[in-house]
Amino acid sequence: MITERVHAIWCRELGRDDIAFDDDFFALGGQSVIMARIQRSLIVELGVEVPVDQLFRNPTVSSISAYITSSETMTG
């Protein structure tokens, strides 16, 4: 499932294993360099390109996963 895969990426890139699906990226210490690494991981591991503005608008695992799922539905 997309949510679990996104969660694994966030945990790895933020260096934490205690991230809840509704935790805010920025409250977890996220910043632009980490966001860029997450964006790259989403491309490499999931085959989806998520624009940076969408990462800012969807700062939780749940919200960005929903965005990815809806984008896949619309394109695919």
C-alpha atoms as a PDB file:
ATOM      1  CA  MET A   1       0.000   0.000   0.000  1.00  0.00           C
ATOM      2  CA  ILE A   2       1.228   3.501  -0.838  1.00  0.00           C
ATOM      3  CA  THR A   3       0.861   4.847   2.712  1.00  0.00           C
ATOM      4  CA  GLU A   4       3.207   2.252   4.207  1.00  0.00           C
ATOM      5  CA  ARG A   5       5.805   2.839   1.499  1.00  0.00           C
ATOM      6  CA  VAL A   6       5.644   6.618   1.943  1.00  0.00           C
ATOM      7  CA  HIS A   7       5.913   6.115   5.704  1.00  0.00           C
ATOM      8  CA  ALA A   8       9.058   4.020   5.282  1.00  0.00           C
ATOM      9  CA  ILE A   9      10.638   6.739   3.118  1.00  0.00           C
ATOM     10  CA  TRP A  10       9.823   9.451   5.652  1.00  0.00           C
ATOM     11  CA  CYS A  11      11.185   7.374   8.552  1.00  0.00           C
ATOM     12  CA  ARG A  12      14.426   6.720   6.697  1.00  0.00           C
ATOM     13  CA  GLU A  13      14.944  10.270   5.463  1.00  0.00           C
ATOM     14  CA  LEU A  14      13.991  11.912   8.765  1.00  0.00           C
ATOM     15  CA  GLY A  15      16.038   9.362  10.721  1.00  0.00           C
ATOM     16  CA  ARG A  16      13.116   8.416  12.963  1.00  0.00           C
ATOM     17  CA  ASP A  17      11.012   5.326  13.502  1.00  0.00           C
ATOM     18  CA  ASP A  18       8.281   6.961  15.590  1.00  0.00           C
ATOM     19  CA  ILE A  19       6.453   8.892  12.857  1.00  0.00           C
ATOM     20  CA  ALA A  20       2.668   8.689  12.874  1.00  0.00           C
ATOM     21  CA  PHE A  21       0.758   8.964   9.611  1.00  0.00           C
ATOM     22  CA  ASP A  22      -0.640  12.349  10.683  1.00  0.00           C
ATOM     23  CA  ASP A  23       2.590  13.900  12.014  1.00  0.00           C
ATOM     24  CA  ASP A  24       3.568  17.147  10.300  1.00  0.00           C
ATOM     25  CA  PHE A  25       6.805  16.986   8.289  1.00  0.00           C
ATOM     26  CA  PHE A  26       7.968  20.382   9.540  1.00  0.00           C
ATOM     27  CA  ALA A  27       7.135  19.649  13.184  1.00  0.00           C
ATOM     28  CA  LEU A  28       9.300  16.525  12.862  1.00  0.00           C
ATOM     29  CA  GLY A  29      12.287  18.696  11.925  1.00  0.00           C
ATOM     30  CA  GLY A  30      11.810  18.439   8.172  1.00  0.00           C
ATOM     31  CA  GLN A  31      13.495  21.022   5.996  1.00  0.00           C
ATOM     32  CA  SER A  32      14.207  21.596   2.309  1.00  0.00           C
ATOM     33  CA  VAL A  33      17.160  19.208   1.948  1.00  0.00           C
ATOM     34  CA  ILE A  34      15.199  16.356   3.504  1.00  0.00           C
ATOM     35  CA  MET A  35      12.172  17.242   1.378  1.00  0.00           C
ATOM     36  CA  ALA A  36      14.317  17.007  -1.753  1.00  0.00           C
ATOM     37  CA  ARG A  37      15.556  13.569  -0.675  1.00  0.00           C
ATOM     38  CA  ILE A  38      11.975  12.432  -0.040  1.00  0.00           C
ATOM     39  CA  GLN A  39      10.918  13.775  -3.434  1.00  0.00           C
ATOM     40  CA  ARG A  40      13.756  11.832  -5.095  1.00  0.00           C
ATOM     41  CA  SER A  41      12.878   8.654  -3.169  1.00  0.00           C
ATOM     42  CA  LEU A  42       9.260   8.900  -4.281  1.00  0.00           C
ATOM     43  CA  ILE A  43      10.449   8.982  -7.896  1.00  0.00           C
ATOM     44  CA  VAL A  44      12.963   6.148  -7.534  1.00  0.00           C
ATOM     45  CA  GLU A  45      10.995   3.838  -5.242  1.00  0.00           C
ATOM     46  CA  LEU A  46       7.383   4.511  -6.198  1.00  0.00           C
ATOM     47  CA  GLY A  47       7.753   5.852  -9.720  1.00  0.00           C
ATOM     48  CA  VAL A  48       5.760   8.996  -8.912  1.00  0.00           C
ATOM     49  CA  GLU A  49       6.866  12.561  -9.318  1.00  0.00           C
ATOM     50  CA  VAL A  50       5.400  14.777  -6.625  1.00  0.00           C
ATOM     51  CA  PRO A  51       5.873  18.520  -7.169  1.00  0.00           C
ATOM     52  CA  VAL A  52       7.494  20.383  -4.277  1.00  0.00           C
ATOM     53  CA  ASP A  53       4.420  22.578  -3.839  1.00  0.00           C
ATOM     54  CA  GLN A  54       2.360  19.433  -3.178  1.00  0.00           C
ATOM     55  CA  LEU A  55       4.843  18.293  -0.539  1.00  0.00           C
ATOM     56  CA  PHE A  56       4.345  21.656   1.200  1.00  0.00           C
ATOM     57  CA  ARG A  57       0.544  21.449   0.881  1.00  0.00           C
ATOM     58  CA  ASN A  58       0.464  17.835   2.081  1.00  0.00           C
ATOM     59  CA  PRO A  59       2.908  17.711   5.012  1.00  0.00           C
ATOM     60  CA  THR A  60       1.786  14.371   6.469  1.00  0.00           C
ATOM     61  CA  VAL A  61       2.272  10.789   5.346  1.00  0.00           C
ATOM     62  CA  SER A  62      -1.510  10.431   5.076  1.00  0.00           C
ATOM     63  CA  SER A  63      -2.076  13.561   3.018  1.00  0.00           C
ATOM     64  CA  ILE A  64       0.776  13.039   0.567  1.00  0.00           C
ATOM     65  CA  SER A  65      -0.243   9.392   0.165  1.00  0.00           C
ATOM     66  CA  ALA A  66      -3.795  10.514  -0.658  1.00  0.00           C
ATOM     67  CA  TYR A  67      -2.395  12.992  -3.183  1.00  0.00           C
ATOM     68  CA  ILE A  68      -0.294  10.252  -4.817  1.00  0.00           C
ATOM     69  CA  THR A  69      -3.244   7.866  -4.921  1.00  0.00           C
ATOM     70  CA  SER A  70      -5.564  10.470  -6.432  1.00  0.00           C
ATOM     71  CA  SER A  71      -2.904  11.494  -8.969  1.00  0.00           C
ATOM     72  CA  GLU A  72      -2.438   7.860 -10.016  1.00  0.00           C
ATOM     73  CA  THR A  73      -6.191   7.475 -10.359  1.00  0.00           C
ATOM     74  CA  MET A  74      -6.384  10.587 -12.526  1.00  0.00           C
ATOM     75  CA  THR A  75      -3.437   9.616 -14.749  1.00  0.00           C
ATOM     76  CA  GLY A  76      -3.704   5.967 -14.815  1.00  0.00           C
END
